[in-house]
C-alpha atoms as a PDB file:
ATOM      1  CA  MET A   1      42.513   3.320-116.865  1.00  0.00           C
ATOM      2  CA  LYS A   2      39.516   2.550-114.662  1.00  0.00           C
ATOM      3  CA  TYR A   3      36.158   4.033-115.692  1.00  0.00           C
ATOM      4  CA  SER A   4      35.180   7.032-113.552  1.00  0.00           C
ATOM      5  CA  ALA A   5      31.443   7.414-112.915  1.00  0.00           C
ATOM      6  CA  TYR A   6      32.215  10.798-111.315  1.00  0.00           C
ATOM      7  CA  ARG A   7      33.663  12.198-114.543  1.00  0.00           C
ATOM      8  CA  ASN A   8      31.789  10.247-117.209  1.00  0.00           C
ATOM      9  CA  GLY A   9      28.495   9.325-115.555  1.00  0.00           C
ATOM     10  CA  LEU A  10      26.825   5.959-115.170  1.00  0.00           C
ATOM     11  CA  GLN A  11      26.735   3.629-118.161  1.00  0.00           C
ATOM     12  CA  ILE A  12      23.672   2.104-119.781  1.00  0.00           C
ATOM     13  CA  GLY A  13      23.123  -1.313-118.239  1.00  0.00           C
ATOM     14  CA  ASP A  14      24.547  -0.437-114.801  1.00  0.00           C
ATOM     15  CA  TYR A  15      22.631  -1.685-111.767  1.00  0.00           C
ATOM     16  CA  VAL A  16      22.964   1.097-109.195  1.00  0.00           C
ATOM     17  CA  PHE A  17      22.278   1.368-105.463  1.00  0.00           C
ATOM     18  CA  TYR A  18      21.885   5.072-104.702  1.00  0.00           C
ATOM     19  CA  GLU A  19      20.431   7.667-102.371  1.00  0.00           C
ATOM     20  CA  ASN A  20      17.872   9.955-104.025  1.00  0.00           C
ATOM     21  CA  HIS A  21      17.557  13.451-102.522  1.00  0.00           C
ATOM     22  CA  TYR A  22      14.132  14.586-103.662  1.00  0.00           C
ATOM     23  CA  ASP A  23      13.958  17.439-101.155  1.00  0.00           C
ATOM     24  CA  ARG A  24      16.404  19.500 -99.140  1.00  0.00           C
ATOM     25  CA  PHE A  25      15.812  17.430 -95.990  1.00  0.00           C
ATOM     26  CA  PHE A  26      14.435  14.104 -97.232  1.00  0.00           C
ATOM     27  CA  SER A  27      16.066  11.251 -99.121  1.00  0.00           C
ATOM     28  CA  TYR A  28      15.588   7.534 -99.716  1.00  0.00           C
ATOM     29  CA  THR A  29      17.708   4.693-101.061  1.00  0.00           C
ATOM     30  CA  GLN A  30      16.792   2.436-103.940  1.00  0.00           C
ATOM     31  CA  ASN A  31      18.198   0.084-106.582  1.00  0.00           C
ATOM     32  CA  SER A  32      17.665   0.800-110.273  1.00  0.00           C
ATOM     33  CA  LEU A  33      18.803  -0.301-113.699  1.00  0.00           C
ATOM     34  CA  ILE A  34      20.075   2.441-116.034  1.00  0.00           C
ATOM     35  CA  ILE A  35      18.159   2.190-119.328  1.00  0.00           C
ATOM     36  CA  ASP A  36      19.161   5.432-121.050  1.00  0.00           C
ATOM     37  CA  ARG A  37      21.054   8.635-120.338  1.00  0.00           C
ATOM     38  CA  GLU A  38      21.012  12.138-121.754  1.00  0.00           C
ATOM     39  CA  PHE A  39      23.893  14.599-121.385  1.00  0.00           C
ATOM     40  CA  LEU A  40      22.903  17.873-119.674  1.00  0.00           C
ATOM     41  CA  PHE A  41      26.130  19.856-119.110  1.00  0.00           C
ATOM     42  CA  SER A  42      29.690  19.639-117.781  1.00  0.00           C
ATOM     43  CA  GLN A  43      31.411  21.664-115.107  1.00  0.00           C
ATOM     44  CA  ASP A  44      35.050  22.117-114.157  1.00  0.00           C
ATOM     45  CA  THR A  45      35.838  21.350-110.522  1.00  0.00           C
ATOM     46  CA  ARG A  46      39.105  21.287-108.632  1.00  0.00           C
ATOM     47  CA  TRP A  47      39.147  17.469-109.148  1.00  0.00           C
ATOM     48  CA  GLY A  48      38.661  17.760-112.913  1.00  0.00           C
ATOM     49  CA  GLU A  49      35.744  17.952-115.314  1.00  0.00           C
ATOM     50  CA  ARG A  50      32.435  16.490-114.126  1.00  0.00           C
ATOM     51  CA  LYS A  51      29.578  15.652-116.477  1.00  0.00           C
ATOM     52  CA  PHE A  52      25.902  15.745-115.516  1.00  0.00           C
ATOM     53  CA  PHE A  53      23.220  13.512-117.008  1.00  0.00           C
ATOM     54  CA  GLU A  54      19.519  12.794-116.831  1.00  0.00           C
ATOM     55  CA  TYR A  55      19.032   9.034-116.490  1.00  0.00           C
ATOM     56  CA  THR A  56      16.043   6.913-117.413  1.00  0.00           C
ATOM     57  CA  VAL A  57      15.918   4.104-114.842  1.00  0.00           C
ATOM     58  CA  TYR A  58      13.853   0.969-114.290  1.00  0.00           C
ATOM     59  CA  HIS A  59      12.760   0.467-110.669  1.00  0.00           C
ATOM     60  CA  ASN A  60      10.019  -1.873-109.338  1.00  0.00           C
ATOM     61  CA  GLY A  61       8.236  -2.177-112.670  1.00  0.00           C
ATOM     62  CA  LYS A  62       8.248   1.586-113.277  1.00  0.00           C
ATOM     63  CA  ILE A  63      10.368   3.765-115.516  1.00  0.00           C
ATOM     64  CA  GLU A  64      11.529   7.009-113.880  1.00  0.00           C
ATOM     65  CA  LYS A  65      13.834   9.896-114.745  1.00  0.00           C
ATOM     66  CA  ILE A  66      16.483  11.110-112.305  1.00  0.00           C
ATOM     67  CA  LYS A  67      19.274  13.670-112.574  1.00  0.00           C
ATOM     68  CA  THR A  68      22.888  13.415-111.451  1.00  0.00           C
ATOM     69  CA  GLN A  69      22.407  16.401-109.121  1.00  0.00           C
ATOM     70  CA  SER A  70      19.761  14.609-107.032  1.00  0.00           C
ATOM     71  CA  ILE A  71      21.528  11.286-106.395  1.00  0.00           C
ATOM     72  CA  ARG A  72      24.477   9.998-104.381  1.00  0.00           C
ATOM     73  CA  VAL A  73      25.753   6.681-105.739  1.00  0.00           C
ATOM     74  CA  LYS A  74      26.560   4.045-103.111  1.00  0.00           C
ATOM     75  CA  LYS A  75      27.370   0.995-105.278  1.00  0.00           C
ATOM     76  CA  ILE A  76      27.565   0.227-108.998  1.00  0.00           C
ATOM     77  CA  THR A  77      27.305  -3.237-110.565  1.00  0.00           C
ATOM     78  CA  ARG A  78      28.417  -3.092-114.185  1.00  0.00           C
ATOM     79  CA  SER A  79      27.105  -5.262-116.992  1.00  0.00           C
ATOM     80  CA  LYS A  80      29.658  -6.987-119.169  1.00  0.00           C
ATOM     81  CA  LYS A  81      30.022  -5.165-122.477  1.00  0.00           C
ATOM     82  CA  ASP A  82      32.018  -5.812-125.595  1.00  0.00           C
ATOM     83  CA  GLU A  83      34.429  -2.931-126.173  1.00  0.00           C
ATOM     84  CA  ASN A  84      33.957  -3.232-129.957  1.00  0.00           C
ATOM     85  CA  CYS A  85      30.159  -2.963-129.793  1.00  0.00           C
ATOM     86  CA  ASN A  86      28.844  -0.028-131.834  1.00  0.00           C
ATOM     87  CA  ASN A  87      25.148  -0.518-131.107  1.00  0.00           C
ATOM     88  CA  ARG A  88      24.910   0.069-127.333  1.00  0.00           C
ATOM     89  CA  ARG A  89      21.584   1.932-127.431  1.00  0.00           C
ATOM     90  CA  ALA A  90      19.789  -0.994-129.062  1.00  0.00           C
ATOM     91  CA  GLY A  91      20.293  -3.266-126.054  1.00  0.00           C
ATOM     92  CA  PHE A  92      22.550  -4.372-123.280  1.00  0.00           C
ATOM     93  CA  TYR A  93      24.292  -7.108-125.285  1.00  0.00           C
ATOM     94  CA  CYS A  94      25.796  -7.078-128.758  1.00  0.00           C
END
C-alpha cells in the first residue's frame, strides 16, 4: 500500500514544497527538509483518521518548527530508506 502523508504525516528525510499559512489572510511557499517530527494528536474525519505533527525543518540555513495545521503540502520528494532500518532518528541513512 502506498504511504499516505495525509494519514501518517511527513517522514523524516522528506524534502517538501509547501504553502505555509502563518496568518488568516497571508501565506507563502517554501521548500524544506524534514529533520524531526513530534506527534501532537489524531482526529477522525469522514476520510479516515488523520494525524497531526509538529515538524522541525531545515530551510535556508535555519531550523524552524511548523505544525501540520498551518501548512498545505504541494509536493513531496522522499529519501530512499531501508525498510529494515531500526535507527531512523540517528540519521537519514542506515
